[in-house]
Structures are given as C-alpha cells and as structure tokens.
C-alpha cells in the first residue's frame, strides 16, 4: 500500500469529521488514536521507497524520524535513548505491527513484519532490514515497541496531511 493512498483516505475522512459541528457550534476535535495496520504499511512504504532512500542522516534515530515525516506522521526528533524511555506522540505496545518503532537503548528502527520479526533501520552498512531476534539484537536486550498516536498535539511538528481518526486502540 502506498503512503500517499493512505494519506488520501485520511484526507477524505478528515473532511467529513472536521465539518461535523458539536452542539456548541465548535468544530469537532480530532480523536487521538494509534495507527492502524494499513497506516503502518504507509510508513513501511516510505521506508522502503528507493526514491526516498537518500537519507541525510548517519544514524538510526534521524533516519526513523525522516521516514515518519516523509510518511506524513511527524513528531519532534528524539534520540534512540529518549525513544526507548518513551516520548510524547507514541504509545508503548506489547505486540508490534508494521510501522511501529522498535527501540533498544542506543538503537531505533521500524517494524516491517512482526510475524517474521523483521525491522528496518540504519545498520552498520547503511539502511537495511534485519531480524530483531538475531543474536546481535538479542545481545542488546529486550526491545520496546511504540505505536504512533495520530492527532497528538505536537507543538513544532508539521504534517504533510491532516489526519483525523476514530477511537484509540491500545
């Protein structure tokens, strides 16, 4: 699934919700919720898009940040150590899905296929996919998984698409 298709779907849904009026006459506020698996696939598409593989970053946390922004899901930049501890705009989850952050102290990536325990990140030889249950990654400890929260207030963030959604799924 293409990231732009997912964003187009969000735009049409956002128009309907944004135009809905509350009893007081104010516009309805967008509901915060975590990304759906389809939206997570949009992040994977952005990560694996060969036209967008020209990352200006030399480390994993900057690359992950750039991919999320490219996919239309901005957040304030955070180091992998900060991501590991948890940052605003993400909800820690026990069971990852495509597009979720996978974070160890000192390293961050994006889950590609949880069923195969694969993730995308900046590796020693550049961007690539690896298994997070490989001996090297197991040696780094137990990873934490975080899912992006849509419509989370993020001062200083800019989005390439307006994203409104339904209920939050934990």
N, C-alpha and C. Protein backbone atom coordinates (compact mmCIF):
# COMPACT_ATOMS: atom_id res chain seq x y z
N UNK A 1 0.84 -1.17 0.00
CA UNK A 1 0.00 0.00 0.00
C UNK A 1 0.89 1.23 0.00
N UNK A 2 0.54 2.18 -0.74
CA UNK A 2 1.31 3.41 -0.90
C UNK A 2 0.96 4.41 0.21
N UNK A 3 1.95 5.11 0.70
CA UNK A 3 1.72 6.09 1.77
C UNK A 3 0.78 7.18 1.30
N UNK A 4 0.88 7.59 0.04
CA UNK A 4 0.02 8.66 -0.43
C UNK A 4 -1.43 8.21 -0.48
N UNK A 5 -1.69 6.92 -0.79
CA UNK A 5 -3.05 6.43 -0.80
C UNK A 5 -3.63 6.50 0.62
N UNK A 6 -2.83 6.08 1.61
CA UNK A 6 -3.29 6.12 3.00
C UNK A 6 -3.59 7.54 3.42
N UNK A 7 -2.76 8.48 2.97
CA UNK A 7 -2.99 9.88 3.34
C UNK A 7 -4.22 10.43 2.64
N UNK A 8 -4.48 10.02 1.39
CA UNK A 8 -5.68 10.47 0.68
C UNK A 8 -6.93 9.98 1.41
N UNK A 9 -6.89 8.72 1.88
CA UNK A 9 -8.01 8.18 2.63
C UNK A 9 -8.23 9.01 3.89
N UNK A 10 -7.14 9.37 4.57
CA UNK A 10 -7.24 10.19 5.78
C UNK A 10 -7.83 11.55 5.47
N UNK A 11 -7.45 12.15 4.33
CA UNK A 11 -7.96 13.48 3.99
C UNK A 11 -9.47 13.45 3.79
N UNK A 12 -9.99 12.43 3.09
CA UNK A 12 -11.43 12.40 2.87
C UNK A 12 -12.16 12.15 4.17
N UNK A 13 -11.61 11.31 5.04
CA UNK A 13 -12.23 11.08 6.35
C UNK A 13 -12.15 12.33 7.20
N UNK A 14 -11.03 13.06 7.11
CA UNK A 14 -10.86 14.25 7.93
C UNK A 14 -11.84 15.33 7.52
N UNK A 15 -12.16 15.43 6.24
CA UNK A 15 -13.11 16.44 5.79
C UNK A 15 -14.47 16.20 6.41
N UNK A 16 -14.92 14.96 6.42
CA UNK A 16 -16.22 14.64 6.99
C UNK A 16 -16.25 14.93 8.48
N UNK A 17 -15.20 14.56 9.19
CA UNK A 17 -15.17 14.77 10.63
C UNK A 17 -14.99 16.25 10.96
N UNK A 18 -14.11 16.93 10.24
CA UNK A 18 -13.85 18.33 10.52
C UNK A 18 -15.08 19.19 10.26
N UNK A 19 -15.93 18.78 9.33
CA UNK A 19 -17.11 19.56 9.01
C UNK A 19 -18.26 19.31 9.98
N UNK A 20 -18.16 18.23 10.77
CA UNK A 20 -19.19 17.93 11.74
C UNK A 20 -19.16 18.97 12.86
N UNK A 21 -20.28 19.48 13.26
CA UNK A 21 -20.36 20.50 14.29
C UNK A 21 -20.78 19.88 15.62
N UNK A 22 -20.25 20.41 16.72
CA UNK A 22 -20.68 19.98 18.06
C UNK A 22 -21.91 20.80 18.43
N UNK A 23 -22.55 20.46 19.54
CA UNK A 23 -23.75 21.20 19.97
C UNK A 23 -23.46 22.66 20.22
N UNK A 24 -22.26 22.99 20.67
CA UNK A 24 -21.92 24.37 20.97
C UNK A 24 -21.55 25.15 19.71
N UNK A 25 -21.50 24.49 18.56
CA UNK A 25 -21.16 25.16 17.32
C UNK A 25 -19.68 25.11 17.00
N UNK A 26 -18.86 24.60 17.92
CA UNK A 26 -17.43 24.47 17.65
C UNK A 26 -17.19 23.26 16.75
N UNK A 27 -16.12 23.33 16.04
CA UNK A 27 -15.74 22.18 15.21
C UNK A 27 -15.37 21.01 16.11
N UNK A 28 -15.69 19.82 15.65
CA UNK A 28 -15.34 18.62 16.40
C UNK A 28 -13.82 18.50 16.46
N UNK A 29 -13.30 18.13 17.60
CA UNK A 29 -11.86 17.94 17.74
C UNK A 29 -11.49 16.54 17.29
N UNK A 30 -10.35 16.40 16.63
CA UNK A 30 -9.94 15.07 16.20
C UNK A 30 -9.66 14.18 17.40
N UNK A 31 -10.04 12.93 17.27
CA UNK A 31 -9.83 11.96 18.33
C UNK A 31 -8.45 11.35 18.19
N UNK A 32 -7.76 11.24 19.31
CA UNK A 32 -6.44 10.61 19.28
C UNK A 32 -6.62 9.10 19.23
N UNK A 33 -5.80 8.46 18.41
CA UNK A 33 -5.79 7.01 18.33
C UNK A 33 -4.46 6.57 17.76
N UNK A 34 -4.11 5.33 17.99
CA UNK A 34 -2.87 4.82 17.42
C UNK A 34 -3.12 4.41 15.97
N UNK A 35 -2.02 4.26 15.23
CA UNK A 35 -2.13 3.93 13.81
C UNK A 35 -2.72 2.55 13.59
N UNK A 36 -3.46 2.42 12.51
CA UNK A 36 -3.98 1.13 12.09
C UNK A 36 -2.86 0.37 11.35
N UNK A 37 -3.01 -0.93 11.16
CA UNK A 37 -2.01 -1.67 10.37
C UNK A 37 -1.83 -1.10 8.96
N UNK A 38 -2.91 -0.65 8.32
CA UNK A 38 -2.79 -0.07 6.99
C UNK A 38 -1.97 1.21 7.01
N UNK A 39 -2.16 2.05 8.03
CA UNK A 39 -1.37 3.27 8.15
C UNK A 39 0.10 2.93 8.43
N UNK A 40 0.32 1.88 9.21
CA UNK A 40 1.68 1.41 9.46
C UNK A 40 2.36 0.97 8.18
N UNK A 41 1.59 0.36 7.29
CA UNK A 41 2.13 -0.04 5.98
C UNK A 41 2.58 1.18 5.19
N UNK A 42 1.90 2.30 5.37
CA UNK A 42 2.32 3.54 4.70
C UNK A 42 3.71 3.96 5.16
N UNK A 43 4.01 3.76 6.43
CA UNK A 43 5.35 4.08 6.95
C UNK A 43 6.38 3.13 6.34
N UNK A 44 6.03 1.85 6.24
CA UNK A 44 6.94 0.87 5.64
C UNK A 44 7.18 1.23 4.17
N UNK A 45 6.13 1.62 3.46
CA UNK A 45 6.28 2.03 2.06
C UNK A 45 7.24 3.20 1.94
N UNK A 46 7.12 4.16 2.85
CA UNK A 46 8.03 5.32 2.83
C UNK A 46 9.46 4.88 3.12
N UNK A 47 9.63 3.94 4.04
CA UNK A 47 10.97 3.47 4.40
C UNK A 47 11.63 2.72 3.25
N UNK A 48 10.86 1.90 2.57
CA UNK A 48 11.43 1.03 1.54
C UNK A 48 11.39 1.63 0.15
N UNK A 49 10.84 2.82 0.00
CA UNK A 49 10.76 3.50 -1.30
C UNK A 49 12.16 3.87 -1.77
N UNK A 50 12.64 3.27 -2.87
CA UNK A 50 14.01 3.55 -3.31
C UNK A 50 14.24 5.02 -3.67
N UNK A 51 13.18 5.74 -4.07
CA UNK A 51 13.34 7.16 -4.40
C UNK A 51 13.57 7.99 -3.14
N UNK A 52 13.15 7.49 -2.00
CA UNK A 52 13.30 8.23 -0.74
C UNK A 52 14.44 7.69 0.10
N UNK A 53 15.26 6.80 -0.44
CA UNK A 53 16.32 6.16 0.34
C UNK A 53 17.55 7.04 0.46
N UNK A 54 17.47 8.28 0.04
CA UNK A 54 18.60 9.19 0.16
C UNK A 54 18.52 9.91 1.51
N UNK A 55 18.72 9.19 2.57
CA UNK A 55 18.62 9.77 3.90
C UNK A 55 19.86 10.60 4.20
N UNK A 56 19.64 11.81 4.67
CA UNK A 56 20.75 12.70 5.00
C UNK A 56 21.36 12.36 6.36
N UNK A 57 20.82 11.37 7.01
CA UNK A 57 21.27 11.07 8.37
C UNK A 57 22.32 9.97 8.36
N UNK A 58 23.13 10.01 9.38
CA UNK A 58 24.15 8.98 9.54
C UNK A 58 23.85 8.10 10.73
N UNK A 59 22.64 8.21 11.26
CA UNK A 59 22.29 7.34 12.38
C UNK A 59 20.82 6.94 12.32
N UNK A 60 20.48 5.96 13.13
CA UNK A 60 19.16 5.35 13.08
C UNK A 60 18.03 6.29 13.51
N UNK A 61 18.22 7.05 14.58
CA UNK A 61 17.12 7.87 15.08
C UNK A 61 16.76 9.00 14.12
N UNK A 62 17.76 9.58 13.46
CA UNK A 62 17.46 10.62 12.46
C UNK A 62 16.76 10.01 11.24
N UNK A 63 17.19 8.82 10.83
CA UNK A 63 16.56 8.18 9.69
C UNK A 63 15.10 7.82 9.98
N UNK A 64 14.84 7.25 11.15
CA UNK A 64 13.47 6.89 11.54
C UNK A 64 12.60 8.14 11.56
N UNK A 65 13.12 9.21 12.12
CA UNK A 65 12.38 10.47 12.18
C UNK A 65 12.05 10.96 10.77
N UNK A 66 13.01 10.91 9.87
CA UNK A 66 12.79 11.35 8.48
C UNK A 66 11.74 10.49 7.78
N UNK A 67 11.76 9.20 8.03
CA UNK A 67 10.78 8.30 7.40
C UNK A 67 9.37 8.62 7.89
N UNK A 68 9.19 8.79 9.19
CA UNK A 68 7.87 9.12 9.72
C UNK A 68 7.37 10.44 9.12
N UNK A 69 8.24 11.43 9.04
CA UNK A 69 7.83 12.71 8.44
C UNK A 69 7.48 12.53 6.96
N UNK A 70 8.28 11.76 6.24
CA UNK A 70 8.02 11.50 4.82
C UNK A 70 6.66 10.82 4.64
N UNK A 71 6.29 9.96 5.57
CA UNK A 71 5.01 9.24 5.51
C UNK A 71 3.84 10.10 5.99
N UNK A 72 4.12 11.30 6.52
CA UNK A 72 3.05 12.18 6.98
C UNK A 72 2.70 12.03 8.44
N UNK A 73 3.62 11.46 9.23
CA UNK A 73 3.38 11.26 10.66
C UNK A 73 4.52 11.92 11.45
N UNK A 74 4.47 13.24 11.62
CA UNK A 74 5.57 13.96 12.25
C UNK A 74 5.60 13.82 13.77
N UNK A 75 6.78 13.94 14.31
CA UNK A 75 6.98 14.04 15.75
C UNK A 75 8.26 14.82 15.96
N UNK A 76 8.43 15.36 17.16
CA UNK A 76 9.66 16.07 17.45
C UNK A 76 10.79 15.06 17.53
N UNK A 77 11.92 15.39 16.91
CA UNK A 77 13.05 14.47 16.91
C UNK A 77 13.43 14.07 18.33
N UNK A 78 13.77 12.80 18.50
CA UNK A 78 14.25 12.27 19.78
C UNK A 78 15.34 11.24 19.49
N UNK A 79 16.33 11.18 20.37
CA UNK A 79 17.38 10.18 20.23
C UNK A 79 16.81 8.79 20.50
N UNK A 80 17.55 7.76 20.14
CA UNK A 80 17.08 6.41 20.40
C UNK A 80 16.95 6.14 21.90
N UNK A 81 17.82 6.72 22.72
CA UNK A 81 17.69 6.57 24.17
C UNK A 81 16.40 7.21 24.68
N UNK A 82 16.08 8.39 24.16
CA UNK A 82 14.83 9.05 24.55
C UNK A 82 13.62 8.25 24.07
N UNK A 83 13.69 7.73 22.83
CA UNK A 83 12.60 6.91 22.31
C UNK A 83 12.41 5.67 23.18
N UNK A 84 13.50 5.07 23.61
CA UNK A 84 13.43 3.87 24.45
C UNK A 84 12.68 4.17 25.75
N UNK A 85 12.94 5.35 26.31
CA UNK A 85 12.26 5.74 27.55
C UNK A 85 10.80 6.12 27.33
N UNK A 86 10.46 6.44 26.07
CA UNK A 86 9.09 6.85 25.73
C UNK A 86 9.01 8.35 25.54
N UNK A 87 8.39 8.77 24.46
CA UNK A 87 8.23 10.18 24.15
C UNK A 87 6.78 10.48 23.82
N UNK A 88 6.42 11.75 23.90
CA UNK A 88 5.07 12.16 23.53
C UNK A 88 4.82 11.83 22.08
N UNK A 89 3.61 11.42 21.79
CA UNK A 89 3.24 11.10 20.42
C UNK A 89 3.32 9.62 20.09
N UNK A 90 3.79 8.82 21.04
CA UNK A 90 3.87 7.37 20.85
C UNK A 90 3.31 6.66 22.07
N UNK A 91 2.69 5.52 21.83
CA UNK A 91 2.12 4.69 22.88
C UNK A 91 2.84 3.35 22.88
N UNK A 92 3.35 2.94 24.03
CA UNK A 92 4.06 1.65 24.10
C UNK A 92 3.06 0.52 23.93
N UNK A 93 3.44 -0.45 23.09
CA UNK A 93 2.58 -1.61 22.83
C UNK A 93 3.37 -2.89 23.07
N UNK A 94 2.64 -3.92 23.41
CA UNK A 94 3.28 -5.21 23.67
C UNK A 94 3.46 -6.01 22.38
N UNK A 95 2.48 -5.93 21.49
CA UNK A 95 2.51 -6.69 20.24
C UNK A 95 2.66 -5.72 19.07
N UNK A 96 3.82 -5.75 18.40
CA UNK A 96 4.06 -4.79 17.32
C UNK A 96 3.30 -5.13 16.05
N UNK A 97 3.13 -4.09 15.24
CA UNK A 97 2.56 -4.23 13.90
C UNK A 97 3.46 -3.44 12.95
N UNK A 98 3.33 -3.64 11.65
CA UNK A 98 4.16 -2.89 10.70
C UNK A 98 4.04 -1.38 10.94
N UNK A 99 5.19 -0.71 10.89
CA UNK A 99 5.22 0.73 11.08
C UNK A 99 5.51 1.17 12.51
N UNK A 100 5.45 0.25 13.46
CA UNK A 100 5.76 0.61 14.85
C UNK A 100 7.25 0.83 15.01
N UNK A 101 7.60 1.65 16.00
CA UNK A 101 9.01 1.80 16.36
C UNK A 101 9.46 0.56 17.12
N UNK A 102 10.67 0.13 16.88
CA UNK A 102 11.33 -0.87 17.72
C UNK A 102 12.57 -0.17 18.24
N UNK A 103 12.77 -0.21 19.56
CA UNK A 103 13.83 0.58 20.15
C UNK A 103 14.57 -0.21 21.23
N UNK A 104 15.88 -0.14 21.14
CA UNK A 104 16.77 -0.60 22.20
C UNK A 104 17.47 0.65 22.70
N UNK A 105 18.12 0.58 23.85
CA UNK A 105 18.97 1.71 24.25
C UNK A 105 20.07 1.84 23.20
N UNK A 106 20.12 2.97 22.56
CA UNK A 106 21.16 3.21 21.57
C UNK A 106 20.83 2.81 20.15
N UNK A 107 19.62 2.29 19.88
CA UNK A 107 19.27 1.95 18.50
C UNK A 107 17.75 1.96 18.31
N UNK A 108 17.33 2.44 17.13
CA UNK A 108 15.90 2.52 16.79
C UNK A 108 15.70 2.04 15.37
N UNK A 109 14.52 1.50 15.12
CA UNK A 109 14.14 1.05 13.79
C UNK A 109 12.63 1.05 13.66
N UNK A 110 12.16 0.49 12.55
CA UNK A 110 10.73 0.42 12.25
C UNK A 110 10.39 -1.03 11.94
N UNK A 111 9.36 -1.56 12.62
CA UNK A 111 8.93 -2.93 12.39
C UNK A 111 8.40 -3.06 10.96
N UNK A 112 8.91 -4.06 10.24
CA UNK A 112 8.45 -4.31 8.87
C UNK A 112 7.42 -5.43 8.88
N UNK A 113 7.80 -6.58 9.42
CA UNK A 113 6.88 -7.72 9.53
C UNK A 113 7.09 -8.34 10.90
N UNK A 114 6.12 -8.13 11.78
CA UNK A 114 6.23 -8.67 13.13
C UNK A 114 6.20 -10.20 13.10
N UNK A 115 5.44 -10.78 12.18
CA UNK A 115 5.34 -12.24 12.12
C UNK A 115 6.69 -12.88 11.79
N UNK A 116 7.58 -12.14 11.12
CA UNK A 116 8.91 -12.63 10.79
C UNK A 116 9.99 -11.93 11.63
N UNK A 117 9.53 -11.09 12.57
CA UNK A 117 10.42 -10.37 13.48
C UNK A 117 11.46 -9.55 12.71
N UNK A 118 10.99 -8.86 11.65
CA UNK A 118 11.85 -8.05 10.81
C UNK A 118 11.66 -6.57 11.08
N UNK A 119 12.75 -5.84 10.99
CA UNK A 119 12.68 -4.39 11.15
C UNK A 119 13.64 -3.72 10.18
N UNK A 120 13.38 -2.45 9.90
CA UNK A 120 14.19 -1.64 9.01
C UNK A 120 14.89 -0.58 9.85
N UNK A 121 16.18 -0.38 9.58
CA UNK A 121 16.92 0.63 10.32
C UNK A 121 18.21 0.97 9.60
N UNK A 122 18.94 1.88 10.19
CA UNK A 122 20.27 2.22 9.69
C UNK A 122 21.24 1.27 10.36
N UNK A 123 21.78 0.35 9.58
CA UNK A 123 22.69 -0.66 10.10
C UNK A 123 24.13 -0.20 9.87
N UNK A 124 25.08 -1.04 10.22
CA UNK A 124 26.49 -0.67 10.06
C UNK A 124 26.86 -0.40 8.60
N UNK A 125 26.15 -1.00 7.66
CA UNK A 125 26.43 -0.79 6.23
C UNK A 125 25.39 0.09 5.56
N UNK A 126 24.59 0.78 6.33
CA UNK A 126 23.56 1.65 5.76
C UNK A 126 22.16 1.11 6.01
N UNK A 127 21.14 1.72 5.40
CA UNK A 127 19.76 1.28 5.61
C UNK A 127 19.55 -0.16 5.18
N UNK A 128 18.79 -0.91 5.98
CA UNK A 128 18.52 -2.30 5.64
C UNK A 128 17.54 -2.95 6.58
N UNK A 129 17.19 -4.19 6.28
CA UNK A 129 16.24 -4.98 7.07
C UNK A 129 17.01 -6.09 7.77
N UNK A 130 16.63 -6.37 9.02
CA UNK A 130 17.24 -7.45 9.77
C UNK A 130 16.17 -8.06 10.68
N UNK A 131 16.50 -9.17 11.29
CA UNK A 131 15.60 -9.85 12.23
C UNK A 131 15.94 -9.40 13.64
N UNK A 132 14.94 -8.95 14.38
CA UNK A 132 15.24 -8.46 15.73
C UNK A 132 15.44 -9.56 16.75
N UNK A 133 15.30 -10.82 16.33
CA UNK A 133 15.65 -11.91 17.23
C UNK A 133 16.99 -12.55 16.84
N UNK A 134 17.74 -11.90 15.94
CA UNK A 134 19.09 -12.36 15.59
C UNK A 134 20.00 -12.21 16.82
N UNK A 135 21.04 -13.02 16.91
CA UNK A 135 21.92 -12.98 18.09
C UNK A 135 22.43 -11.58 18.46
N UNK A 136 22.81 -10.78 17.45
CA UNK A 136 23.32 -9.44 17.76
C UNK A 136 22.28 -8.61 18.48
N UNK A 137 21.04 -8.62 17.97
CA UNK A 137 19.99 -7.79 18.56
C UNK A 137 19.53 -8.36 19.90
N UNK A 138 19.49 -9.68 20.05
CA UNK A 138 19.15 -10.26 21.35
C UNK A 138 20.18 -9.84 22.39
N UNK A 139 21.44 -9.72 21.97
CA UNK A 139 22.50 -9.28 22.87
C UNK A 139 22.33 -7.86 23.35
N UNK A 140 21.55 -7.06 22.64
CA UNK A 140 21.30 -5.68 23.06
C UNK A 140 20.20 -5.59 24.11
N UNK A 141 19.51 -6.69 24.37
CA UNK A 141 18.44 -6.69 25.35
C UNK A 141 17.08 -6.79 24.70
N UNK A 142 16.07 -6.68 25.52
CA UNK A 142 14.69 -6.79 25.03
C UNK A 142 14.26 -5.44 24.45
N UNK A 143 13.81 -5.44 23.20
CA UNK A 143 13.40 -4.17 22.60
C UNK A 143 12.03 -3.73 23.13
N UNK A 144 11.77 -2.45 22.98
CA UNK A 144 10.45 -1.91 23.28
C UNK A 144 9.81 -1.49 21.96
N UNK A 145 8.48 -1.58 21.92
CA UNK A 145 7.74 -1.22 20.72
C UNK A 145 6.81 -0.06 21.05
N UNK A 146 6.75 0.90 20.13
CA UNK A 146 5.90 2.07 20.29
C UNK A 146 5.12 2.32 19.02
N UNK A 147 3.84 2.67 19.20
CA UNK A 147 2.96 2.98 18.06
C UNK A 147 2.63 4.46 18.07
N UNK A 148 2.69 5.05 16.90
CA UNK A 148 2.42 6.47 16.71
C UNK A 148 0.97 6.79 17.07
N UNK A 149 0.76 7.93 17.72
CA UNK A 149 -0.58 8.39 18.07
C UNK A 149 -0.97 9.50 17.10
N UNK A 150 -2.01 9.25 16.33
CA UNK A 150 -2.50 10.27 15.40
C UNK A 150 -3.22 11.36 16.19
N UNK A 151 -3.07 12.58 15.70
CA UNK A 151 -3.74 13.75 16.28
C UNK A 151 -3.22 14.13 17.65
N UNK A 152 -2.06 13.61 18.01
CA UNK A 152 -1.46 14.00 19.28
C UNK A 152 -0.95 15.42 19.10
N UNK A 153 -1.26 16.33 20.05
CA UNK A 153 -0.76 17.69 19.89
C UNK A 153 0.77 17.69 19.93
N UNK A 154 1.36 18.26 18.93
CA UNK A 154 2.81 18.24 18.81
C UNK A 154 3.28 19.64 18.43
N UNK A 155 3.49 20.52 19.41
CA UNK A 155 3.99 21.85 19.08
C UNK A 155 5.29 21.77 18.31
N UNK A 156 5.36 22.49 17.22
CA UNK A 156 6.57 22.48 16.41
C UNK A 156 6.58 21.43 15.33
N UNK A 157 5.62 20.52 15.33
CA UNK A 157 5.55 19.49 14.29
C UNK A 157 4.76 20.03 13.11
N UNK A 158 5.14 19.60 11.94
CA UNK A 158 4.37 19.92 10.74
C UNK A 158 4.02 18.62 10.06
N UNK A 159 2.84 18.55 9.52
CA UNK A 159 2.38 17.34 8.86
C UNK A 159 2.10 17.62 7.41
N UNK A 160 2.33 16.62 6.57
CA UNK A 160 2.04 16.77 5.16
C UNK A 160 0.58 16.47 4.86
N UNK A 161 -0.14 15.98 5.84
CA UNK A 161 -1.56 15.72 5.64
C UNK A 161 -2.30 15.92 6.94
N UNK A 162 -3.56 16.35 6.83
CA UNK A 162 -4.41 16.46 8.01
C UNK A 162 -4.88 15.05 8.33
N UNK A 163 -4.74 14.63 9.57
CA UNK A 163 -5.09 13.26 9.93
C UNK A 163 -6.06 13.27 11.09
N UNK A 164 -7.28 12.86 10.82
CA UNK A 164 -8.28 12.72 11.85
C UNK A 164 -8.71 11.29 11.86
N UNK A 165 -9.09 10.80 13.03
CA UNK A 165 -9.41 9.38 13.06
C UNK A 165 -10.45 9.01 14.09
N UNK A 166 -10.59 7.74 14.26
CA UNK A 166 -11.59 7.19 15.16
C UNK A 166 -11.03 6.95 16.55
N UNK A 167 -11.43 5.84 17.12
CA UNK A 167 -11.08 5.56 18.51
C UNK A 167 -9.66 5.07 18.64
N UNK A 168 -9.12 5.28 19.82
CA UNK A 168 -7.76 4.81 20.13
C UNK A 168 -7.79 3.33 20.42
N UNK A 169 -6.91 2.58 19.77
CA UNK A 169 -6.84 1.15 20.04
C UNK A 169 -5.55 0.86 20.78
N UNK A 170 -5.64 0.30 21.93
CA UNK A 170 -4.46 0.03 22.74
C UNK A 170 -4.04 -1.37 22.44
